[in-house]
PDB file of N, CA and C in Angstrom:
ATOM      1  N   MET A   1      14.042  -4.943  24.945  1.00  0.00           N
ATOM      2  CA  MET A   1      14.145  -6.523  24.030  1.00  0.00           C
ATOM      3  C   MET A   1      12.519  -7.275  23.824  1.00  0.00           C
ATOM      4  N   LYS A   2      11.796  -6.737  24.372  1.00  0.00           N
ATOM      5  CA  LYS A   2      10.401  -7.008  24.254  1.00  0.00           C
ATOM      6  C   LYS A   2       9.797  -5.608  23.466  1.00  0.00           C
ATOM      7  N   GLU A   3       9.969  -4.630  23.558  1.00  0.00           N
ATOM      8  CA  GLU A   3       9.570  -3.352  23.067  1.00  0.00           C
ATOM      9  C   GLU A   3       9.625  -3.825  21.632  1.00  0.00           C
ATOM     10  N   ASP A   4      10.791  -3.650  20.852  1.00  0.00           N
ATOM     11  CA  ASP A   4      11.250  -4.033  19.841  1.00  0.00           C
ATOM     12  C   ASP A   4      10.726  -5.724  19.281  1.00  0.00           C
ATOM     13  N   HIS A   5      10.472  -6.250  20.319  1.00  0.00           N
ATOM     14  CA  HIS A   5       9.387  -7.587  19.572  1.00  0.00           C
ATOM     15  C   HIS A   5       8.080  -6.651  18.766  1.00  0.00           C
ATOM     16  N   LEU A   6       7.526  -6.280  19.846  1.00  0.00           N
ATOM     17  CA  LEU A   6       6.336  -5.728  19.784  1.00  0.00           C
ATOM     18  C   LEU A   6       6.254  -5.077  18.633  1.00  0.00           C
ATOM     19  N   GLN A   7       7.178  -4.115  18.276  1.00  0.00           N
ATOM     20  CA  GLN A   7       7.088  -3.087  16.950  1.00  0.00           C
ATOM     21  C   GLN A   7       7.276  -4.068  15.744  1.00  0.00           C
ATOM     22  N   GLU A   8       8.779  -5.650  15.882  1.00  0.00           N
ATOM     23  CA  GLU A   8       8.401  -5.828  14.767  1.00  0.00           C
ATOM     24  C   GLU A   8       6.716  -6.599  14.411  1.00  0.00           C
ATOM     25  N   GLU A   9       6.082  -7.027  15.237  1.00  0.00           N
ATOM     26  CA  GLU A   9       5.046  -7.382  14.933  1.00  0.00           C
ATOM     27  C   GLU A   9       4.047  -6.652  14.767  1.00  0.00           C
ATOM     28  N   MET A  10       4.099  -5.581  14.571  1.00  0.00           N
ATOM     29  CA  MET A  10       2.824  -3.989  14.349  1.00  0.00           C
ATOM     30  C   MET A  10       2.302  -4.478  13.180  1.00  0.00           C
ATOM     31  N   ILE A  11       1.175  -4.826  12.690  1.00  0.00           N
ATOM     32  CA  ILE A  11       0.726  -4.894  11.649  1.00  0.00           C
ATOM     33  C   ILE A  11       0.203  -3.918  10.761  1.00  0.00           C
ATOM     34  N   ILE A  12       1.147  -3.252   9.726  1.00  0.00           N
ATOM     35  CA  ILE A  12       1.005  -1.725   8.445  1.00  0.00           C
ATOM     36  C   ILE A  12      -0.076  -2.520   8.015  1.00  0.00           C
ATOM     37  N   CYS A  13      -0.565  -3.562   7.335  1.00  0.00           N
ATOM     38  CA  CYS A  13      -1.271  -3.084   6.496  1.00  0.00           C
ATOM     39  C   CYS A  13      -2.173  -4.490   7.032  1.00  0.00           C
ATOM     40  N   ARG A  14      -3.518  -3.911   7.489  1.00  0.00           N
ATOM     41  CA  ARG A  14      -4.212  -4.971   8.116  1.00  0.00           C
ATOM     42  C   ARG A  14      -5.225  -5.845   6.964  1.00  0.00           C
ATOM     43  N   CYS A  15      -5.053  -5.356   5.934  1.00  0.00           N
ATOM     44  CA  CYS A  15      -5.624  -6.400   5.041  1.00  0.00           C
ATOM     45  C   CYS A  15      -5.266  -7.224   4.341  1.00  0.00           C
ATOM     46  N   GLN A  16      -4.239  -7.226   4.307  1.00  0.00           N
ATOM     47  CA  GLN A  16      -3.104  -8.349   4.131  1.00  0.00           C
ATOM     48  C   GLN A  16      -2.095  -8.945   4.950  1.00  0.00           C
ATOM     49  N   GLU A  17      -2.317  -8.165   6.229  1.00  0.00           N
ATOM     50  CA  GLU A  17      -2.042  -8.580   8.150  1.00  0.00           C
ATOM     51  C   GLU A  17      -0.417  -8.769   7.541  1.00  0.00           C
ATOM     52  N   VAL A  18       0.201  -7.593   7.007  1.00  0.00           N
ATOM     53  CA  VAL A  18       1.962  -6.989   6.799  1.00  0.00           C
ATOM     54  C   VAL A  18       2.249  -6.512   7.813  1.00  0.00           C
ATOM     55  N   THR A  19       3.338  -6.974   8.348  1.00  0.00           N
ATOM     56  CA  THR A  19       4.231  -6.417   9.407  1.00  0.00           C
ATOM     57  C   THR A  19       5.168  -5.494   8.737  1.00  0.00           C
ATOM     58  N   GLU A  20       5.313  -4.687  10.494  1.00  0.00           N
ATOM     59  CA  GLU A  20       6.248  -3.659  10.179  1.00  0.00           C
ATOM     60  C   GLU A  20       8.008  -4.189   9.473  1.00  0.00           C
ATOM     61  N   ALA A  21       7.901  -5.528  10.647  1.00  0.00           N
ATOM     62  CA  ALA A  21       9.395  -6.389  10.021  1.00  0.00           C
ATOM     63  C   ALA A  21       8.996  -6.594   8.574  1.00  0.00           C
ATOM     64  N   GLU A  22       8.620  -7.008   7.777  1.00  0.00           N
ATOM     65  CA  GLU A  22       8.537  -7.598   6.829  1.00  0.00           C
ATOM     66  C   GLU A  22       8.378  -6.071   5.497  1.00  0.00           C
ATOM     67  N   VAL A  23       7.889  -4.437   5.985  1.00  0.00           N
ATOM     68  CA  VAL A  23       8.232  -3.944   5.317  1.00  0.00           C
ATOM     69  C   VAL A  23       9.848  -3.115   5.251  1.00  0.00           C
ATOM     70  N   ARG A  24      10.163  -3.342   6.808  1.00  0.00           N
ATOM     71  CA  ARG A  24      11.775  -3.088   6.895  1.00  0.00           C
ATOM     72  C   ARG A  24      12.151  -3.934   6.303  1.00  0.00           C
ATOM     73  N   GLN A  25      12.206  -5.309   6.503  1.00  0.00           N
ATOM     74  CA  GLN A  25      13.119  -5.816   5.699  1.00  0.00           C
ATOM     75  C   GLN A  25      12.849  -6.327   3.706  1.00  0.00           C
ATOM     76  N   ALA A  26      11.818  -5.817   3.190  1.00  0.00           N
ATOM     77  CA  ALA A  26      11.966  -4.949   1.959  1.00  0.00           C
ATOM     78  C   ALA A  26      12.797  -3.835   1.762  1.00  0.00           C
ATOM     79  N   ILE A  27      12.367  -3.224   2.290  1.00  0.00           N
ATOM     80  CA  ILE A  27      13.640  -2.178   2.686  1.00  0.00           C
ATOM     81  C   ILE A  27      14.609  -2.459   2.022  1.00  0.00           C
ATOM     82  N   ASP A  28      15.569  -3.007   3.380  1.00  0.00           N
ATOM     83  CA  ASP A  28      16.480  -3.206   3.214  1.00  0.00           C
ATOM     84  C   ASP A  28      16.798  -3.798   2.658  1.00  0.00           C
ATOM     85  N   GLN A  29      16.382  -4.671   1.774  1.00  0.00           N
ATOM     86  CA  GLN A  29      16.743  -5.376   0.474  1.00  0.00           C
ATOM     87  C   GLN A  29      16.641  -4.797  -0.793  1.00  0.00           C
ATOM     88  N   GLY A  30      16.318  -3.613  -0.942  1.00  0.00           N
ATOM     89  CA  GLY A  30      16.309  -2.827  -1.952  1.00  0.00           C
ATOM     90  C   GLY A  30      15.011  -2.029  -2.729  1.00  0.00           C
ATOM     91  N   CYS A  31      13.874  -1.870  -1.453  1.00  0.00           N
ATOM     92  CA  CYS A  31      12.782  -1.304  -2.641  1.00  0.00           C
ATOM     93  C   CYS A  31      12.767  -0.128  -1.881  1.00  0.00           C
ATOM     94  N   ARG A  32      12.635   0.701  -2.961  1.00  0.00           N
ATOM     95  CA  ARG A  32      12.747   2.168  -2.489  1.00  0.00           C
ATOM     96  C   ARG A  32      11.502   3.158  -3.299  1.00  0.00           C
ATOM     97  N   SER A  33      10.536   1.694  -3.078  1.00  0.00           N
ATOM     98  CA  SER A  33       9.418   3.139  -4.283  1.00  0.00           C
ATOM     99  C   SER A  33       7.767   1.934  -2.842  1.00  0.00           C
ATOM    100  N   LEU A  34       6.995   2.905  -3.337  1.00  0.00           N
ATOM    101  CA  LEU A  34       6.074   2.111  -2.861  1.00  0.00           C
ATOM    102  C   LEU A  34       5.242   0.806  -3.960  1.00  0.00           C
ATOM    103  N   LYS A  35       6.017   1.163  -5.373  1.00  0.00           N
ATOM    104  CA  LYS A  35       5.602  -0.102  -5.931  1.00  0.00           C
ATOM    105  C   LYS A  35       6.068  -1.487  -5.752  1.00  0.00           C
ATOM    106  N   GLY A  36       7.583  -1.477  -5.505  1.00  0.00           N
ATOM    107  CA  GLY A  36       9.134  -1.923  -5.038  1.00  0.00           C
ATOM    108  C   GLY A  36       8.113  -2.481  -3.512  1.00  0.00           C
ATOM    109  N   ILE A  37       7.348  -1.975  -2.744  1.00  0.00           N
ATOM    110  CA  ILE A  37       7.158  -3.156  -1.423  1.00  0.00           C
ATOM    111  C   ILE A  37       6.311  -3.683  -1.531  1.00  0.00           C
ATOM    112  N   LYS A  38       5.005  -2.944  -3.111  1.00  0.00           N
ATOM    113  CA  LYS A  38       3.579  -3.710  -3.114  1.00  0.00           C
ATOM    114  C   LYS A  38       3.911  -4.608  -3.361  1.00  0.00           C
ATOM    115  N   ASN A  39       4.486  -5.199  -4.551  1.00  0.00           N
ATOM    116  CA  ASN A  39       5.431  -6.597  -5.015  1.00  0.00           C
ATOM    117  C   ASN A  39       6.364  -7.024  -4.475  1.00  0.00           C
ATOM    118  N   ARG A  40       6.414  -6.604  -3.416  1.00  0.00           N
ATOM    119  CA  ARG A  40       7.694  -7.739  -2.389  1.00  0.00           C
ATOM    120  C   ARG A  40       6.636  -8.384  -1.551  1.00  0.00           C
ATOM    121  N   THR A  41       5.679  -7.504  -0.641  1.00  0.00           N
ATOM    122  CA  THR A  41       4.869  -7.714   0.681  1.00  0.00           C
ATOM    123  C   THR A  41       3.585  -7.954   0.464  1.00  0.00           C
ATOM    124  N   GLU A  42       3.108  -7.549  -0.931  1.00  0.00           N
ATOM    125  CA  GLU A  42       1.653  -7.444  -0.876  1.00  0.00           C
ATOM    126  C   GLU A  42       1.295  -6.480  -0.169  1.00  0.00           C
ATOM    127  N   ALA A  43       1.516  -5.567   0.832  1.00  0.00           N
ATOM    128  CA  ALA A  43       0.619  -4.564   1.726  1.00  0.00           C
ATOM    129  C   ALA A  43       0.337  -3.254   0.217  1.00  0.00           C
ATOM    130  N   MET A  44      -0.491  -2.729   0.342  1.00  0.00           N
ATOM    131  CA  MET A  44      -1.698  -2.053  -0.243  1.00  0.00           C
ATOM    132  C   MET A  44      -2.042  -2.294  -1.079  1.00  0.00           C
ATOM    133  N   MET A  45      -2.594  -3.687  -1.466  1.00  0.00           N
ATOM    134  CA  MET A  45      -3.127  -4.960  -2.002  1.00  0.00           C
ATOM    135  C   MET A  45      -4.497  -5.241  -1.596  1.00  0.00           C
ATOM    136  N   GLY A  46      -5.070  -4.801  -0.532  1.00  0.00           N
ATOM    137  CA  GLY A  46      -6.021  -5.582  -0.101  1.00  0.00           C
ATOM    138  C   GLY A  46      -6.652  -4.989  -0.225  1.00  0.00           C
ATOM    139  N   LEU A  47      -8.494  -5.167   0.479  1.00  0.00           N
ATOM    140  CA  LEU A  47      -9.816  -4.250   0.244  1.00  0.00           C
ATOM    141  C   LEU A  47      -9.690  -2.574  -0.095  1.00  0.00           C
ATOM    142  N   CYS A  48      -8.350  -2.264   0.991  1.00  0.00           N
ATOM    143  CA  CYS A  48      -8.540  -0.772   1.128  1.00  0.00           C
ATOM    144  C   CYS A  48      -7.994  -0.057  -0.044  1.00  0.00           C
ATOM    145  N   GLN A  49      -6.762  -1.025  -0.646  1.00  0.00           N
ATOM    146  CA  GLN A  49      -6.347  -0.462  -1.483  1.00  0.00           C
ATOM    147  C   GLN A  49      -5.153   0.678  -1.297  1.00  0.00           C
ATOM    148  N   GLY A  50      -4.658   0.337   0.172  1.00  0.00           N
ATOM    149  CA  GLY A  50      -3.746   1.287   0.504  1.00  0.00           C
ATOM    150  C   GLY A  50      -4.340   2.395   0.829  1.00  0.00           C
ATOM    151  N   ARG A  51      -5.458   2.687   1.570  1.00  0.00           N
ATOM    152  CA  ARG A  51      -5.794   3.822   2.025  1.00  0.00           C
ATOM    153  C   ARG A  51      -5.363   4.226   3.416  1.00  0.00           C
ATOM    154  N   THR A  52      -5.277   2.657   3.941  1.00  0.00           N
ATOM    155  CA  THR A  52      -4.761   2.801   5.332  1.00  0.00           C
ATOM    156  C   THR A  52      -3.336   2.539   5.951  1.00  0.00           C
ATOM    157  N   CYS A  53      -2.595   2.232   4.796  1.00  0.00           N
ATOM    158  CA  CYS A  53      -1.535   1.740   4.678  1.00  0.00           C
ATOM    159  C   CYS A  53      -0.358   2.485   4.089  1.00  0.00           C
ATOM    160  N   ARG A  54      -0.556   2.909   3.029  1.00  0.00           N
ATOM    161  CA  ARG A  54       0.217   3.346   2.227  1.00  0.00           C
ATOM    162  C   ARG A  54       0.964   4.884   3.534  1.00  0.00           C
ATOM    163  N   ARG A  55       0.697   5.505   3.889  1.00  0.00           N
ATOM    164  CA  ARG A  55       1.023   6.584   4.522  1.00  0.00           C
ATOM    165  C   ARG A  55       2.049   6.018   5.305  1.00  0.00           C
ATOM    166  N   LEU A  56       1.786   5.396   6.399  1.00  0.00           N
ATOM    167  CA  LEU A  56       2.916   4.626   7.362  1.00  0.00           C
ATOM    168  C   LEU A  56       4.382   3.627   6.026  1.00  0.00           C
ATOM    169  N   ILE A  57       3.744   3.340   4.851  1.00  0.00           N
ATOM    170  CA  ILE A  57       4.766   3.089   4.406  1.00  0.00           C
ATOM    171  C   ILE A  57       5.232   3.686   4.188  1.00  0.00           C
ATOM    172  N   GLU A  58       5.057   4.958   3.306  1.00  0.00           N
ATOM    173  CA  GLU A  58       6.045   5.986   2.807  1.00  0.00           C
ATOM    174  C   GLU A  58       6.267   6.692   4.079  1.00  0.00           C
ATOM    175  N   ARG A  59       6.401   6.527   5.131  1.00  0.00           N
ATOM    176  CA  ARG A  59       6.836   6.818   6.604  1.00  0.00           C
ATOM    177  C   ARG A  59       8.273   6.419   6.202  1.00  0.00           C
ATOM    178  N   MET A  60       7.762   5.048   6.541  1.00  0.00           N
ATOM    179  CA  MET A  60       9.104   3.995   6.275  1.00  0.00           C
ATOM    180  C   MET A  60      10.289   4.592   5.320  1.00  0.00           C
ATOM    181  N   LEU A  61       9.283   4.316   4.315  1.00  0.00           N
ATOM    182  CA  LEU A  61      10.860   4.538   3.088  1.00  0.00           C
ATOM    183  C   LEU A  61      11.388   5.768   3.513  1.00  0.00           C
ATOM    184  N   SER A  62      10.952   6.746   3.819  1.00  0.00           N
ATOM    185  CA  SER A  62      11.407   8.257   3.840  1.00  0.00           C
ATOM    186  C   SER A  62      12.532   8.588   5.421  1.00  0.00           C
ATOM    187  N   GLU A  63      12.417   7.241   6.634  1.00  0.00           N
ATOM    188  CA  GLU A  63      13.095   7.526   7.486  1.00  0.00           C
ATOM    189  C   GLU A  63      14.638   6.474   6.757  1.00  0.00           C
ATOM    190  N   SER A  64      14.400   5.510   6.290  1.00  0.00           N
ATOM    191  CA  SER A  64      15.553   4.480   5.627  1.00  0.00           C
ATOM    192  C   SER A  64      16.950   5.160   5.370  1.00  0.00           C
ATOM    193  N   PRO A  65      17.719   4.804   5.893  1.00  0.00           N
ATOM    194  CA  PRO A  65      18.933   5.391   6.032  1.00  0.00           C
ATOM    195  C   PRO A  65      19.850   5.719   3.996  1.00  0.00           C
ATOM    196  N   GLN A  66      19.329   4.498   4.041  1.00  0.00           N
ATOM    197  CA  GLN A  66      19.589   4.299   2.271  1.00  0.00           C
ATOM    198  C   GLN A  66      19.033   5.394   1.108  1.00  0.00           C
ATOM    199  N   GLN A  67      17.766   6.136   1.792  1.00  0.00           N
ATOM    200  CA  GLN A  67      16.376   6.757   1.064  1.00  0.00           C
ATOM    201  C   GLN A  67      17.377   7.403  -0.070  1.00  0.00           C
ATOM    202  N   MET A  68      16.469   6.632  -0.974  1.00  0.00           N
ATOM    203  CA  MET A  68      16.729   7.963  -2.472  1.00  0.00           C
ATOM    204  C   MET A  68      14.977   8.463  -2.526  1.00  0.00           C
ATOM    205  N   PRO A  69      14.859   9.355  -3.341  1.00  0.00           N
ATOM    206  CA  PRO A  69      13.241  10.097  -3.323  1.00  0.00           C
ATOM    207  C   PRO A  69      12.565   8.689  -3.858  1.00  0.00           C
ATOM    208  N   VAL A  70      11.850   9.044  -3.132  1.00  0.00           N
ATOM    209  CA  VAL A  70      10.280   8.296  -2.754  1.00  0.00           C
ATOM    210  C   VAL A  70       9.846   8.624  -4.299  1.00  0.00           C
ATOM    211  N   THR A  71       9.666   7.730  -5.053  1.00  0.00           N
ATOM    212  CA  THR A  71       8.479   7.430  -6.280  1.00  0.00           C
ATOM    213  C   THR A  71       6.962   6.836  -6.083  1.00  0.00           C
ATOM    214  N   GLN A  72       6.571   8.093  -6.489  1.00  0.00           N
ATOM    215  CA  GLN A  72       4.867   8.088  -6.578  1.00  0.00           C
ATOM    216  C   GLN A  72       4.485   7.301  -7.852  1.00  0.00           C
ATOM    217  N   SER A  73       3.419   6.182  -7.143  1.00  0.00           N
ATOM    218  CA  SER A  73       3.132   5.731  -8.261  1.00  0.00           C
ATOM    219  C   SER A  73       1.591   5.398  -7.720  1.00  0.00           C
ATOM    220  N   TYR A  74       1.252   6.302  -6.896  1.00  0.00           N
ATOM    221  CA  TYR A  74      -0.837   6.009  -6.412  1.00  0.00           C
ATOM    222  C   TYR A  74      -1.534   6.583  -7.247  1.00  0.00           C
ATOM    223  N   ARG A  75      -2.212   6.134  -7.695  1.00  0.00           N
ATOM    224  CA  ARG A  75      -3.593   7.023  -8.333  1.00  0.00           C
ATOM    225  C   ARG A  75      -4.532   6.832  -7.881  1.00  0.00           C
ATOM    226  N   PRO A  76      -4.912   7.507  -6.936  1.00  0.00           N
ATOM    227  CA  PRO A  76      -6.556   7.015  -6.004  1.00  0.00           C
ATOM    228  C   PRO A  76      -8.020   7.420  -7.003  1.00  0.00           C
ATOM    229  N   PRO A  77      -9.265   6.482  -7.170  1.00  0.00           N
ATOM    230  CA  PRO A  77     -10.057   6.623  -7.746  1.00  0.00           C
ATOM    231  C   PRO A  77     -10.210   8.069  -7.852  1.00  0.00           C
ATOM    232  N   VAL A  78     -11.032   8.049  -9.079  1.00  0.00           N
ATOM    233  CA  VAL A  78     -11.493   9.273  -9.259  1.00  0.00           C
ATOM    234  C   VAL A  78     -13.123   9.609  -8.514  1.00  0.00           C
ATOM    235  N   ARG A  79     -13.940   8.779  -7.821  1.00  0.00           N
ATOM    236  CA  ARG A  79     -15.087   8.407  -7.244  1.00  0.00           C
ATOM    237  C   ARG A  79     -14.777   6.709  -6.805  1.00  0.00           C
ATOM    238  N   THR A  80     -15.529   6.190  -6.518  1.00  0.00           N
ATOM    239  CA  THR A  80     -16.343   4.935  -5.333  1.00  0.00           C
ATOM    240  C   THR A  80     -17.421   4.842  -6.142  1.00  0.00           C
ATOM    241  N   LEU A  81     -17.217   3.801  -7.412  1.00  0.00           N
ATOM    242  CA  LEU A  81     -18.378   3.530  -7.734  1.00  0.00           C
ATOM    243  C   LEU A  81     -18.847   1.829  -7.277  1.00  0.00           C
ATOM    244  N   THR A  82     -20.312   1.822  -7.307  1.00  0.00           N
ATOM    245  CA  THR A  82     -21.243   0.408  -6.590  1.00  0.00           C
ATOM    246  C   THR A  82     -20.889  -0.530  -7.643  1.00  0.00           C
ATOM    247  N   LEU A  83     -21.438  -1.857  -7.348  1.00  0.00           N
ATOM    248  CA  LEU A  83     -21.282  -2.909  -8.383  1.00  0.00           C
ATOM    249  C   LEU A  83     -22.023  -2.739  -8.862  1.00  0.00           C
ATOM    250  N   ASN A  84     -23.487  -2.599  -8.841  1.00  0.00           N
ATOM    251  CA  ASN A  84     -24.665  -1.760  -9.163  1.00  0.00           C
ATOM    252  C   ASN A  84     -24.173  -0.835 -10.353  1.00  0.00           C
ATOM    253  N   THR A  85     -23.589   0.160 -10.201  1.00  0.00           N
ATOM    254  CA  THR A  85     -23.172   1.347 -11.151  1.00  0.00           C
ATOM    255  C   THR A  85     -22.758   0.374 -12.062  1.00  0.00           C
ATOM    256  N   LEU A  86     -21.586  -0.653 -12.187  1.00  0.00           N
ATOM    257  CA  LEU A  86     -20.923  -1.126 -13.138  1.00  0.00           C
ATOM    258  C   LEU A  86     -21.602  -2.132 -13.983  1.00  0.00           C
ATOM    259  N   ALA A  87     -22.846  -2.340 -12.979  1.00  0.00           N
ATOM    260  CA  ALA A  87     -23.410  -3.688 -13.774  1.00  0.00           C
ATOM    261  C   ALA A  87     -24.490  -2.958 -14.665  1.00  0.00           C
ATOM    262  N   GLU A  88     -25.086  -1.878 -14.285  1.00  0.00           N
ATOM    263  CA  GLU A  88     -26.152  -0.591 -15.313  1.00  0.00           C
ATOM    264  C   GLU A  88     -25.643  -0.505 -16.499  1.00  0.00           C
ATOM    265  N   ALA A  89     -24.409  -0.168 -16.007  1.00  0.00           N
ATOM    266  CA  ALA A  89     -23.507   0.801 -17.294  1.00  0.00           C
ATOM    267  C   ALA A  89     -23.979   0.664 -18.253  1.00  0.00           C
ATOM    268  N   GLU A  90     -24.285   1.525 -19.569  1.00  0.00           N
ATOM    269  CA  GLU A  90     -24.226   0.725 -21.097  1.00  0.00           C
ATOM    270  C   GLU A  90     -22.651   1.166 -21.710  1.00  0.00           C
ATOM    271  N   GLU A  91     -22.119  -0.009 -22.052  1.00  0.00           N
ATOM    272  CA  GLU A  91     -20.646   0.145 -22.885  1.00  0.00           C
ATOM    273  C   GLU A  91     -21.241   0.893 -23.838  1.00  0.00           C
ATOM    274  N   GLY A  92     -19.505   1.650 -23.601  1.00  0.00           N
ATOM    275  CA  GLY A  92     -19.373   2.694 -24.618  1.00  0.00           C
ATOM    276  C   GLY A  92     -20.572   4.021 -24.799  1.00  0.00           C
ATOM    277  N   GLY A  93     -21.633   4.053 -23.712  1.00  0.00           N
ATOM    278  CA  GLY A  93     -22.490   4.813 -23.704  1.00  0.00           C
ATOM    279  C   GLY A  93     -22.224   6.357 -22.863  1.00  0.00           C
ATOM    280  N   GLU A  94     -22.916   7.022 -22.626  1.00  0.00           N
ATOM    281  CA  GLU A  94     -22.514   8.296 -21.956  1.00  0.00           C
ATOM    282  C   GLU A  94     -22.547   7.905 -20.509  1.00  0.00           C
ATOM    283  N   ASN A  95     -23.705   6.574 -20.130  1.00  0.00           N
ATOM    284  CA  ASN A  95     -23.553   6.508 -18.600  1.00  0.00           C
ATOM    285  C   ASN A  95     -22.548   5.404 -18.226  1.00  0.00           C
ATOM    286  N   ALA A  96     -21.481   5.296 -19.213  1.00  0.00           N
ATOM    287  CA  ALA A  96     -20.477   3.829 -19.311  1.00  0.00           C
ATOM    288  C   ALA A  96     -19.126   5.110 -18.210  1.00  0.00           C
ATOM    289  N   CYS A  97     -18.679   4.354 -17.516  1.00  0.00           N
ATOM    290  CA  CYS A  97     -17.406   4.612 -16.433  1.00  0.00           C
ATOM    291  C   CYS A  97     -16.316   5.320 -16.596  1.00  0.00           C
TER     292      CYS A  97
END
């Protein structure tokens, strides 16, 4: 009983402090995609943009008994940019992002 309580309190998304129980509740309420989980719980919307929690949530979706195919809408950035790079970029020029 104590283990179940600890597992429900386990943080899945550290940036937004979304727990496993919240993600499982969203799945039980009909979320069948990463986007659905993101909209319902705000997981994957923090500083890391899902780099740490996305795989855990994908695994939870795949283990769901009502599982339908997981639809992927994850688009990783082509490369990371600093704010200085963005600020210095010329609008519409060849150095623009």
